[in-house]
ModelCIF file with pLDDT and N, C-alpha, C, O atoms, coordinates in Angstrom:
data_MODEL
#
_entry.id   MODEL 
#
_entity.id                         1 
_entity.type                       polymer 
_entity.pdbx_number_of_molecules   1 
#
_entity_poly.entity_id                      1 
_entity_poly.type                           'polypeptide(L)' 
_entity_poly.nstd_linkage                   no 
_entity_poly.nstd_monomer                   no 
_entity_poly.pdbx_seq_one_letter_code       MVIGHHLVRTACGWWLPNDPRGSTSRTIRSDITAELGGLHY 
_entity_poly.pdbx_seq_one_letter_code_can   MVIGHHLVRTACGWWLPNDPRGSTSRTIRSDITAELGGLHY 
_entity_poly.pdbx_strand_id                 A 
#
loop_
_entity_poly_seq.entity_id 
_entity_poly_seq.num 
_entity_poly_seq.mon_id 
_entity_poly_seq.hetero 
1 1  MET n 
1 2  VAL n 
1 3  ILE n 
1 4  GLY n 
1 5  HIS n 
1 6  HIS n 
1 7  LEU n 
1 8  VAL n 
1 9  ARG n 
1 10 THR n 
1 11 ALA n 
1 12 CYS n 
1 13 GLY n 
1 14 TRP n 
1 15 TRP n 
1 16 LEU n 
1 17 PRO n 
1 18 ASN n 
1 19 ASP n 
1 20 PRO n 
1 21 ARG n 
1 22 GLY n 
1 23 SER n 
1 24 THR n 
1 25 SER n 
1 26 ARG n 
1 27 THR n 
1 28 ILE n 
1 29 ARG n 
1 30 SER n 
1 31 ASP n 
1 32 ILE n 
1 33 THR n 
1 34 ALA n 
1 35 GLU n 
1 36 LEU n 
1 37 GLY n 
1 38 GLY n 
1 39 LEU n 
1 40 HIS n 
1 41 TYR n 
#
_struct_asym.id          A 
_struct_asym.entity_id   1 
#
loop_
_ma_qa_metric.id 
_ma_qa_metric.mode 
_ma_qa_metric.name 
_ma_qa_metric.software_group_id 
_ma_qa_metric.type 
1 global pLDDT . pLDDT 
2 local  pLDDT . pLDDT 
#
_ma_qa_metric_global.metric_id      1 
_ma_qa_metric_global.metric_value   84.49 
_ma_qa_metric_global.model_id       1 
_ma_qa_metric_global.ordinal_id     1 
#
loop_
_ma_qa_metric_local.label_asym_id 
_ma_qa_metric_local.label_comp_id 
_ma_qa_metric_local.label_seq_id 
_ma_qa_metric_local.metric_id 
_ma_qa_metric_local.metric_value 
_ma_qa_metric_local.model_id 
_ma_qa_metric_local.ordinal_id 
A MET 1  2 88.00 1 1  
A VAL 2  2 88.00 1 2  
A ILE 3  2 94.00 1 3  
A GLY 4  2 94.00 1 4  
A HIS 5  2 94.00 1 5  
A HIS 6  2 93.00 1 6  
A LEU 7  2 92.00 1 7  
A VAL 8  2 88.00 1 8  
A ARG 9  2 86.00 1 9  
A THR 10 2 82.00 1 10 
A ALA 11 2 79.00 1 11 
A CYS 12 2 74.00 1 12 
A GLY 13 2 73.00 1 13 
A TRP 14 2 78.00 1 14 
A TRP 15 2 79.00 1 15 
A LEU 16 2 82.00 1 16 
A PRO 17 2 84.00 1 17 
A ASN 18 2 87.00 1 18 
A ASP 19 2 86.00 1 19 
A PRO 20 2 89.00 1 20 
A ARG 21 2 88.00 1 21 
A GLY 22 2 86.00 1 22 
A SER 23 2 84.00 1 23 
A THR 24 2 80.00 1 24 
A SER 25 2 83.00 1 25 
A ARG 26 2 85.00 1 26 
A THR 27 2 86.00 1 27 
A ILE 28 2 84.00 1 28 
A ARG 29 2 82.00 1 29 
A SER 30 2 81.00 1 30 
A ASP 31 2 81.00 1 31 
A ILE 32 2 79.00 1 32 
A THR 33 2 81.00 1 33 
A ALA 34 2 85.00 1 34 
A GLU 35 2 85.00 1 35 
A LEU 36 2 86.00 1 36 
A GLY 37 2 85.00 1 37 
A GLY 38 2 85.00 1 38 
A LEU 39 2 86.00 1 39 
A HIS 40 2 79.00 1 40 
A TYR 41 2 83.00 1 41 
#
loop_
_atom_site.group_PDB 
_atom_site.id 
_atom_site.type_symbol 
_atom_site.label_atom_id 
_atom_site.label_alt_id 
_atom_site.label_comp_id 
_atom_site.label_asym_id 
_atom_site.label_entity_id 
_atom_site.label_seq_id 
_atom_site.pdbx_PDB_ins_code 
_atom_site.Cartn_x 
_atom_site.Cartn_y 
_atom_site.Cartn_z 
_atom_site.occupancy 
_atom_site.B_iso_or_equiv 
_atom_site.pdbx_formal_charge 
_atom_site.auth_seq_id 
_atom_site.auth_comp_id 
_atom_site.auth_asym_id 
_atom_site.auth_atom_id 
_atom_site.pdbx_PDB_model_num 
ATOM 1   N N  . MET A 1 1  ? -34.530 -9.239  -18.592 1.00 88.00 ? 1  MET A N  1 
ATOM 2   C CA . MET A 1 1  ? -36.265 -7.773  -18.291 1.00 88.00 ? 1  MET A CA 1 
ATOM 3   C C  . MET A 1 1  ? -36.499 -8.463  -16.978 1.00 88.00 ? 1  MET A C  1 
ATOM 4   O O  . MET A 1 1  ? -36.541 -9.675  -16.766 1.00 88.00 ? 1  MET A O  1 
ATOM 5   N N  . VAL A 1 2  ? -36.682 -7.212  -15.920 1.00 88.00 ? 2  VAL A N  1 
ATOM 6   C CA . VAL A 1 2  ? -37.658 -7.561  -14.137 1.00 88.00 ? 2  VAL A CA 1 
ATOM 7   C C  . VAL A 1 2  ? -39.328 -7.877  -15.119 1.00 88.00 ? 2  VAL A C  1 
ATOM 8   O O  . VAL A 1 2  ? -39.713 -7.179  -16.057 1.00 88.00 ? 2  VAL A O  1 
ATOM 9   N N  . ILE A 1 3  ? -39.843 -8.741  -14.717 1.00 94.00 ? 3  ILE A N  1 
ATOM 10  C CA . ILE A 1 3  ? -40.950 -9.411  -14.959 1.00 94.00 ? 3  ILE A CA 1 
ATOM 11  C C  . ILE A 1 3  ? -41.951 -8.833  -14.091 1.00 94.00 ? 3  ILE A C  1 
ATOM 12  O O  . ILE A 1 3  ? -43.003 -8.354  -14.515 1.00 94.00 ? 3  ILE A O  1 
ATOM 13  N N  . GLY A 1 4  ? -41.455 -8.905  -12.280 1.00 94.00 ? 4  GLY A N  1 
ATOM 14  C CA . GLY A 1 4  ? -42.075 -9.079  -10.856 1.00 94.00 ? 4  GLY A CA 1 
ATOM 15  C C  . GLY A 1 4  ? -40.690 -8.947  -9.784  1.00 94.00 ? 4  GLY A C  1 
ATOM 16  O O  . GLY A 1 4  ? -39.493 -9.197  -9.925  1.00 94.00 ? 4  GLY A O  1 
ATOM 17  N N  . HIS A 1 5  ? -41.614 -8.365  -8.542  1.00 94.00 ? 5  HIS A N  1 
ATOM 18  C CA . HIS A 1 5  ? -41.129 -8.270  -7.474  1.00 94.00 ? 5  HIS A CA 1 
ATOM 19  C C  . HIS A 1 5  ? -41.519 -9.525  -6.525  1.00 94.00 ? 5  HIS A C  1 
ATOM 20  O O  . HIS A 1 5  ? -42.658 -9.617  -6.067  1.00 94.00 ? 5  HIS A O  1 
ATOM 21  N N  . HIS A 1 6  ? -40.880 -10.137 -6.353  1.00 93.00 ? 6  HIS A N  1 
ATOM 22  C CA . HIS A 1 6  ? -40.852 -10.901 -5.088  1.00 93.00 ? 6  HIS A CA 1 
ATOM 23  C C  . HIS A 1 6  ? -39.998 -10.160 -3.654  1.00 93.00 ? 6  HIS A C  1 
ATOM 24  O O  . HIS A 1 6  ? -38.815 -10.036 -3.336  1.00 93.00 ? 6  HIS A O  1 
ATOM 25  N N  . LEU A 1 7  ? -41.583 -9.697  -2.917  1.00 92.00 ? 7  LEU A N  1 
ATOM 26  C CA . LEU A 1 7  ? -40.894 -9.068  -2.162  1.00 92.00 ? 7  LEU A CA 1 
ATOM 27  C C  . LEU A 1 7  ? -41.328 -9.251  -0.170  1.00 92.00 ? 7  LEU A C  1 
ATOM 28  O O  . LEU A 1 7  ? -42.518 -9.175  0.138   1.00 92.00 ? 7  LEU A O  1 
ATOM 29  N N  . VAL A 1 8  ? -40.528 -9.420  0.676   1.00 88.00 ? 8  VAL A N  1 
ATOM 30  C CA . VAL A 1 8  ? -39.766 -9.947  1.614   1.00 88.00 ? 8  VAL A CA 1 
ATOM 31  C C  . VAL A 1 8  ? -40.923 -9.140  2.324   1.00 88.00 ? 8  VAL A C  1 
ATOM 32  O O  . VAL A 1 8  ? -41.812 -8.745  1.570   1.00 88.00 ? 8  VAL A O  1 
ATOM 33  N N  . ARG A 1 9  ? -41.079 -8.732  4.139   1.00 86.00 ? 9  ARG A N  1 
ATOM 34  C CA . ARG A 1 9  ? -41.638 -8.248  5.162   1.00 86.00 ? 9  ARG A CA 1 
ATOM 35  C C  . ARG A 1 9  ? -41.206 -9.121  6.281   1.00 86.00 ? 9  ARG A C  1 
ATOM 36  O O  . ARG A 1 9  ? -41.436 -10.317 6.461   1.00 86.00 ? 9  ARG A O  1 
ATOM 37  N N  . THR A 1 10 ? -40.904 -8.741  6.602   1.00 82.00 ? 10 THR A N  1 
ATOM 38  C CA . THR A 1 10 ? -40.822 -9.324  7.810   1.00 82.00 ? 10 THR A CA 1 
ATOM 39  C C  . THR A 1 10 ? -40.704 -9.092  9.550   1.00 82.00 ? 10 THR A C  1 
ATOM 40  O O  . THR A 1 10 ? -39.845 -8.224  9.704   1.00 82.00 ? 10 THR A O  1 
ATOM 41  N N  . ALA A 1 11 ? -41.201 -9.507  10.811  1.00 79.00 ? 11 ALA A N  1 
ATOM 42  C CA . ALA A 1 11 ? -42.499 -8.703  11.017  1.00 79.00 ? 11 ALA A CA 1 
ATOM 43  C C  . ALA A 1 11 ? -40.826 -8.460  11.670  1.00 79.00 ? 11 ALA A C  1 
ATOM 44  O O  . ALA A 1 11 ? -39.731 -8.863  11.279  1.00 79.00 ? 11 ALA A O  1 
ATOM 45  N N  . CYS A 1 12 ? -41.365 -7.382  13.144  1.00 74.00 ? 12 CYS A N  1 
ATOM 46  C CA . CYS A 1 12 ? -40.273 -6.599  14.076  1.00 74.00 ? 12 CYS A CA 1 
ATOM 47  C C  . CYS A 1 12 ? -39.400 -7.435  14.936  1.00 74.00 ? 12 CYS A C  1 
ATOM 48  O O  . CYS A 1 12 ? -39.651 -8.347  15.723  1.00 74.00 ? 12 CYS A O  1 
ATOM 49  N N  . GLY A 1 13 ? -38.250 -6.835  14.539  1.00 73.00 ? 13 GLY A N  1 
ATOM 50  C CA . GLY A 1 13 ? -36.890 -8.310  15.189  1.00 73.00 ? 13 GLY A CA 1 
ATOM 51  C C  . GLY A 1 13 ? -36.863 -8.794  14.373  1.00 73.00 ? 13 GLY A C  1 
ATOM 52  O O  . GLY A 1 13 ? -35.731 -8.340  14.544  1.00 73.00 ? 13 GLY A O  1 
ATOM 53  N N  . TRP A 1 14 ? -36.925 -9.531  13.183  1.00 78.00 ? 14 TRP A N  1 
ATOM 54  C CA . TRP A 1 14 ? -36.819 -11.076 12.366  1.00 78.00 ? 14 TRP A CA 1 
ATOM 55  C C  . TRP A 1 14 ? -36.048 -11.575 12.151  1.00 78.00 ? 14 TRP A C  1 
ATOM 56  O O  . TRP A 1 14 ? -35.814 -12.781 12.225  1.00 78.00 ? 14 TRP A O  1 
ATOM 57  N N  . TRP A 1 15 ? -35.004 -10.076 11.574  1.00 79.00 ? 15 TRP A N  1 
ATOM 58  C CA . TRP A 1 15 ? -33.849 -10.293 10.402  1.00 79.00 ? 15 TRP A CA 1 
ATOM 59  C C  . TRP A 1 15 ? -33.066 -8.896  11.291  1.00 79.00 ? 15 TRP A C  1 
ATOM 60  O O  . TRP A 1 15 ? -32.974 -7.716  10.953  1.00 79.00 ? 15 TRP A O  1 
ATOM 61  N N  . LEU A 1 16 ? -32.630 -9.535  12.404  1.00 82.00 ? 16 LEU A N  1 
ATOM 62  C CA . LEU A 1 16 ? -31.391 -8.503  12.548  1.00 82.00 ? 16 LEU A CA 1 
ATOM 63  C C  . LEU A 1 16 ? -30.467 -7.925  11.679  1.00 82.00 ? 16 LEU A C  1 
ATOM 64  O O  . LEU A 1 16 ? -30.447 -8.549  10.618  1.00 82.00 ? 16 LEU A O  1 
ATOM 65  N N  . PRO A 1 17 ? -29.351 -6.565  11.712  1.00 84.00 ? 17 PRO A N  1 
ATOM 66  C CA . PRO A 1 17 ? -28.119 -6.531  10.995  1.00 84.00 ? 17 PRO A CA 1 
ATOM 67  C C  . PRO A 1 17 ? -27.183 -7.288  11.276  1.00 84.00 ? 17 PRO A C  1 
ATOM 68  O O  . PRO A 1 17 ? -26.366 -7.008  10.398  1.00 84.00 ? 17 PRO A O  1 
ATOM 69  N N  . ASN A 1 18 ? -26.623 -8.252  12.057  1.00 87.00 ? 18 ASN A N  1 
ATOM 70  C CA . ASN A 1 18 ? -25.735 -9.054  12.459  1.00 87.00 ? 18 ASN A CA 1 
ATOM 71  C C  . ASN A 1 18 ? -26.578 -10.885 12.118  1.00 87.00 ? 18 ASN A C  1 
ATOM 72  O O  . ASN A 1 18 ? -25.885 -11.849 12.443  1.00 87.00 ? 18 ASN A O  1 
ATOM 73  N N  . ASP A 1 19 ? -27.291 -11.028 11.804  1.00 86.00 ? 19 ASP A N  1 
ATOM 74  C CA . ASP A 1 19 ? -28.366 -11.808 11.500  1.00 86.00 ? 19 ASP A CA 1 
ATOM 75  C C  . ASP A 1 19 ? -27.652 -13.112 10.559  1.00 86.00 ? 19 ASP A C  1 
ATOM 76  O O  . ASP A 1 19 ? -27.379 -13.024 9.362   1.00 86.00 ? 19 ASP A O  1 
ATOM 77  N N  . PRO A 1 20 ? -27.389 -14.567 11.603  1.00 89.00 ? 20 PRO A N  1 
ATOM 78  C CA . PRO A 1 20 ? -26.529 -15.575 10.842  1.00 89.00 ? 20 PRO A CA 1 
ATOM 79  C C  . PRO A 1 20 ? -26.373 -15.565 9.849   1.00 89.00 ? 20 PRO A C  1 
ATOM 80  O O  . PRO A 1 20 ? -25.208 -15.838 9.561   1.00 89.00 ? 20 PRO A O  1 
ATOM 81  N N  . ARG A 1 21 ? -27.756 -15.139 8.064   1.00 88.00 ? 21 ARG A N  1 
ATOM 82  C CA . ARG A 1 21 ? -27.842 -15.465 6.985   1.00 88.00 ? 21 ARG A CA 1 
ATOM 83  C C  . ARG A 1 21 ? -27.378 -13.860 6.341   1.00 88.00 ? 21 ARG A C  1 
ATOM 84  O O  . ARG A 1 21 ? -27.179 -13.518 5.175   1.00 88.00 ? 21 ARG A O  1 
ATOM 85  N N  . GLY A 1 22 ? -27.309 -13.096 7.592   1.00 86.00 ? 22 GLY A N  1 
ATOM 86  C CA . GLY A 1 22 ? -26.666 -11.889 6.342   1.00 86.00 ? 22 GLY A CA 1 
ATOM 87  C C  . GLY A 1 22 ? -27.919 -11.393 6.383   1.00 86.00 ? 22 GLY A C  1 
ATOM 88  O O  . GLY A 1 22 ? -28.872 -12.014 6.853   1.00 86.00 ? 22 GLY A O  1 
ATOM 89  N N  . SER A 1 23 ? -28.007 -9.743  5.674   1.00 84.00 ? 23 SER A N  1 
ATOM 90  C CA . SER A 1 23 ? -28.968 -8.415  5.918   1.00 84.00 ? 23 SER A CA 1 
ATOM 91  C C  . SER A 1 23 ? -27.971 -8.016  5.481   1.00 84.00 ? 23 SER A C  1 
ATOM 92  O O  . SER A 1 23 ? -26.790 -8.356  5.547   1.00 84.00 ? 23 SER A O  1 
ATOM 93  N N  . THR A 1 24 ? -29.130 -6.406  4.497   1.00 80.00 ? 24 THR A N  1 
ATOM 94  C CA . THR A 1 24 ? -28.823 -5.766  3.784   1.00 80.00 ? 24 THR A CA 1 
ATOM 95  C C  . THR A 1 24 ? -28.099 -4.455  4.375   1.00 80.00 ? 24 THR A C  1 
ATOM 96  O O  . THR A 1 24 ? -27.676 -3.565  3.637   1.00 80.00 ? 24 THR A O  1 
ATOM 97  N N  . SER A 1 25 ? -27.986 -4.418  5.956   1.00 83.00 ? 25 SER A N  1 
ATOM 98  C CA . SER A 1 25 ? -27.513 -3.779  6.865   1.00 83.00 ? 25 SER A CA 1 
ATOM 99  C C  . SER A 1 25 ? -26.444 -3.945  6.414   1.00 83.00 ? 25 SER A C  1 
ATOM 100 O O  . SER A 1 25 ? -25.815 -4.954  6.092   1.00 83.00 ? 25 SER A O  1 
ATOM 101 N N  . ARG A 1 26 ? -26.128 -2.324  6.385   1.00 85.00 ? 26 ARG A N  1 
ATOM 102 C CA . ARG A 1 26 ? -24.417 -2.091  6.542   1.00 85.00 ? 26 ARG A CA 1 
ATOM 103 C C  . ARG A 1 26 ? -23.964 -0.933  7.960   1.00 85.00 ? 26 ARG A C  1 
ATOM 104 O O  . ARG A 1 26 ? -23.044 -0.115  7.991   1.00 85.00 ? 26 ARG A O  1 
ATOM 105 N N  . THR A 1 27 ? -24.660 -1.152  8.680   1.00 86.00 ? 27 THR A N  1 
ATOM 106 C CA . THR A 1 27 ? -24.215 -1.037  10.067  1.00 86.00 ? 27 THR A CA 1 
ATOM 107 C C  . THR A 1 27 ? -25.410 -1.384  11.626  1.00 86.00 ? 27 THR A C  1 
ATOM 108 O O  . THR A 1 27 ? -26.561 -1.803  11.507  1.00 86.00 ? 27 THR A O  1 
ATOM 109 N N  . ILE A 1 28 ? -24.866 -1.134  12.677  1.00 84.00 ? 28 ILE A N  1 
ATOM 110 C CA . ILE A 1 28 ? -25.760 -1.960  13.665  1.00 84.00 ? 28 ILE A CA 1 
ATOM 111 C C  . ILE A 1 28 ? -25.309 -0.849  14.877  1.00 84.00 ? 28 ILE A C  1 
ATOM 112 O O  . ILE A 1 28 ? -24.352 -0.652  15.625  1.00 84.00 ? 28 ILE A O  1 
ATOM 113 N N  . ARG A 1 29 ? -26.536 -0.303  14.595  1.00 82.00 ? 29 ARG A N  1 
ATOM 114 C CA . ARG A 1 29 ? -27.183 1.057   15.412  1.00 82.00 ? 29 ARG A CA 1 
ATOM 115 C C  . ARG A 1 29 ? -26.755 0.949   16.565  1.00 82.00 ? 29 ARG A C  1 
ATOM 116 O O  . ARG A 1 29 ? -25.986 1.812   16.988  1.00 82.00 ? 29 ARG A O  1 
ATOM 117 N N  . SER A 1 30 ? -27.183 -0.254  17.461  1.00 81.00 ? 30 SER A N  1 
ATOM 118 C CA . SER A 1 30 ? -28.036 -0.308  18.949  1.00 81.00 ? 30 SER A CA 1 
ATOM 119 C C  . SER A 1 30 ? -26.428 -1.386  19.736  1.00 81.00 ? 30 SER A C  1 
ATOM 120 O O  . SER A 1 30 ? -26.296 -2.593  19.532  1.00 81.00 ? 30 SER A O  1 
ATOM 121 N N  . ASP A 1 31 ? -25.422 -0.520  20.598  1.00 81.00 ? 31 ASP A N  1 
ATOM 122 C CA . ASP A 1 31 ? -24.529 -1.560  20.856  1.00 81.00 ? 31 ASP A CA 1 
ATOM 123 C C  . ASP A 1 31 ? -25.291 -3.129  22.060  1.00 81.00 ? 31 ASP A C  1 
ATOM 124 O O  . ASP A 1 31 ? -24.525 -3.804  22.748  1.00 81.00 ? 31 ASP A O  1 
ATOM 125 N N  . ILE A 1 32 ? -26.954 -3.399  22.031  1.00 79.00 ? 32 ILE A N  1 
ATOM 126 C CA . ILE A 1 32 ? -27.229 -4.325  23.146  1.00 79.00 ? 32 ILE A CA 1 
ATOM 127 C C  . ILE A 1 32 ? -26.653 -5.053  21.847  1.00 79.00 ? 32 ILE A C  1 
ATOM 128 O O  . ILE A 1 32 ? -25.661 -5.780  21.902  1.00 79.00 ? 32 ILE A O  1 
ATOM 129 N N  . THR A 1 33 ? -27.630 -4.697  20.228  1.00 81.00 ? 33 THR A N  1 
ATOM 130 C CA . THR A 1 33 ? -28.279 -5.289  18.791  1.00 81.00 ? 33 THR A CA 1 
ATOM 131 C C  . THR A 1 33 ? -26.194 -6.671  18.777  1.00 81.00 ? 33 THR A C  1 
ATOM 132 O O  . THR A 1 33 ? -26.170 -7.895  18.645  1.00 81.00 ? 33 THR A O  1 
ATOM 133 N N  . ALA A 1 34 ? -25.182 -5.901  18.926  1.00 85.00 ? 34 ALA A N  1 
ATOM 134 C CA . ALA A 1 34 ? -24.060 -5.321  18.050  1.00 85.00 ? 34 ALA A CA 1 
ATOM 135 C C  . ALA A 1 34 ? -23.326 -6.192  19.385  1.00 85.00 ? 34 ALA A C  1 
ATOM 136 O O  . ALA A 1 34 ? -22.095 -6.164  19.391  1.00 85.00 ? 34 ALA A O  1 
ATOM 137 N N  . GLU A 1 35 ? -23.981 -6.927  20.462  1.00 85.00 ? 35 GLU A N  1 
ATOM 138 C CA . GLU A 1 35 ? -23.138 -8.219  20.891  1.00 85.00 ? 35 GLU A CA 1 
ATOM 139 C C  . GLU A 1 35 ? -23.464 -9.462  20.695  1.00 85.00 ? 35 GLU A C  1 
ATOM 140 O O  . GLU A 1 35 ? -22.903 -10.416 21.234  1.00 85.00 ? 35 GLU A O  1 
ATOM 141 N N  . LEU A 1 36 ? -24.774 -9.550  19.589  1.00 86.00 ? 36 LEU A N  1 
ATOM 142 C CA . LEU A 1 36 ? -24.702 -10.635 19.863  1.00 86.00 ? 36 LEU A CA 1 
ATOM 143 C C  . LEU A 1 36 ? -23.831 -11.488 18.631  1.00 86.00 ? 36 LEU A C  1 
ATOM 144 O O  . LEU A 1 36 ? -23.633 -12.703 18.613  1.00 86.00 ? 36 LEU A O  1 
ATOM 145 N N  . GLY A 1 37 ? -23.249 -10.198 17.333  1.00 85.00 ? 37 GLY A N  1 
ATOM 146 C CA . GLY A 1 37 ? -22.477 -10.970 16.705  1.00 85.00 ? 37 GLY A CA 1 
ATOM 147 C C  . GLY A 1 37 ? -21.654 -10.026 15.900  1.00 85.00 ? 37 GLY A C  1 
ATOM 148 O O  . GLY A 1 37 ? -21.670 -8.893  16.380  1.00 85.00 ? 37 GLY A O  1 
ATOM 149 N N  . GLY A 1 38 ? -20.816 -10.174 14.634  1.00 85.00 ? 38 GLY A N  1 
ATOM 150 C CA . GLY A 1 38 ? -20.351 -8.783  13.454  1.00 85.00 ? 38 GLY A CA 1 
ATOM 151 C C  . GLY A 1 38 ? -21.572 -8.374  12.362  1.00 85.00 ? 38 GLY A C  1 
ATOM 152 O O  . GLY A 1 38 ? -22.623 -8.954  12.634  1.00 85.00 ? 38 GLY A O  1 
ATOM 153 N N  . LEU A 1 39 ? -21.602 -8.017  11.885  1.00 86.00 ? 39 LEU A N  1 
ATOM 154 C CA . LEU A 1 39 ? -22.085 -7.259  10.737  1.00 86.00 ? 39 LEU A CA 1 
ATOM 155 C C  . LEU A 1 39 ? -22.374 -8.802  9.204   1.00 86.00 ? 39 LEU A C  1 
ATOM 156 O O  . LEU A 1 39 ? -21.706 -9.058  8.202   1.00 86.00 ? 39 LEU A O  1 
ATOM 157 N N  . HIS A 1 40 ? -23.025 -9.130  9.494   1.00 79.00 ? 40 HIS A N  1 
ATOM 158 C CA . HIS A 1 40 ? -22.964 -9.583  7.963   1.00 79.00 ? 40 HIS A CA 1 
ATOM 159 C C  . HIS A 1 40 ? -23.868 -9.600  6.716   1.00 79.00 ? 40 HIS A C  1 
ATOM 160 O O  . HIS A 1 40 ? -24.593 -10.564 6.472   1.00 79.00 ? 40 HIS A O  1 
ATOM 161 N N  . TYR A 1 41 ? -23.799 -8.417  5.870   1.00 83.00 ? 41 TYR A N  1 
ATOM 162 C CA . TYR A 1 41 ? -23.777 -7.871  4.518   1.00 83.00 ? 41 TYR A CA 1 
ATOM 163 C C  . TYR A 1 41 ? -23.607 -8.938  3.461   1.00 83.00 ? 41 TYR A C  1 
ATOM 164 O O  . TYR A 1 41 ? -23.570 -8.627  2.270   1.00 83.00 ? 41 TYR A O  1 
#
């Protein structure tokens, strides 16, 4: 049973789709961002 939610909000630009820690993004929409590395879902 869920009793609460831990919500995390990042400031703009601080959690990109190909962040080395992983992300919840399923696509990289920018060629510039894609050049930084592969998607880590």
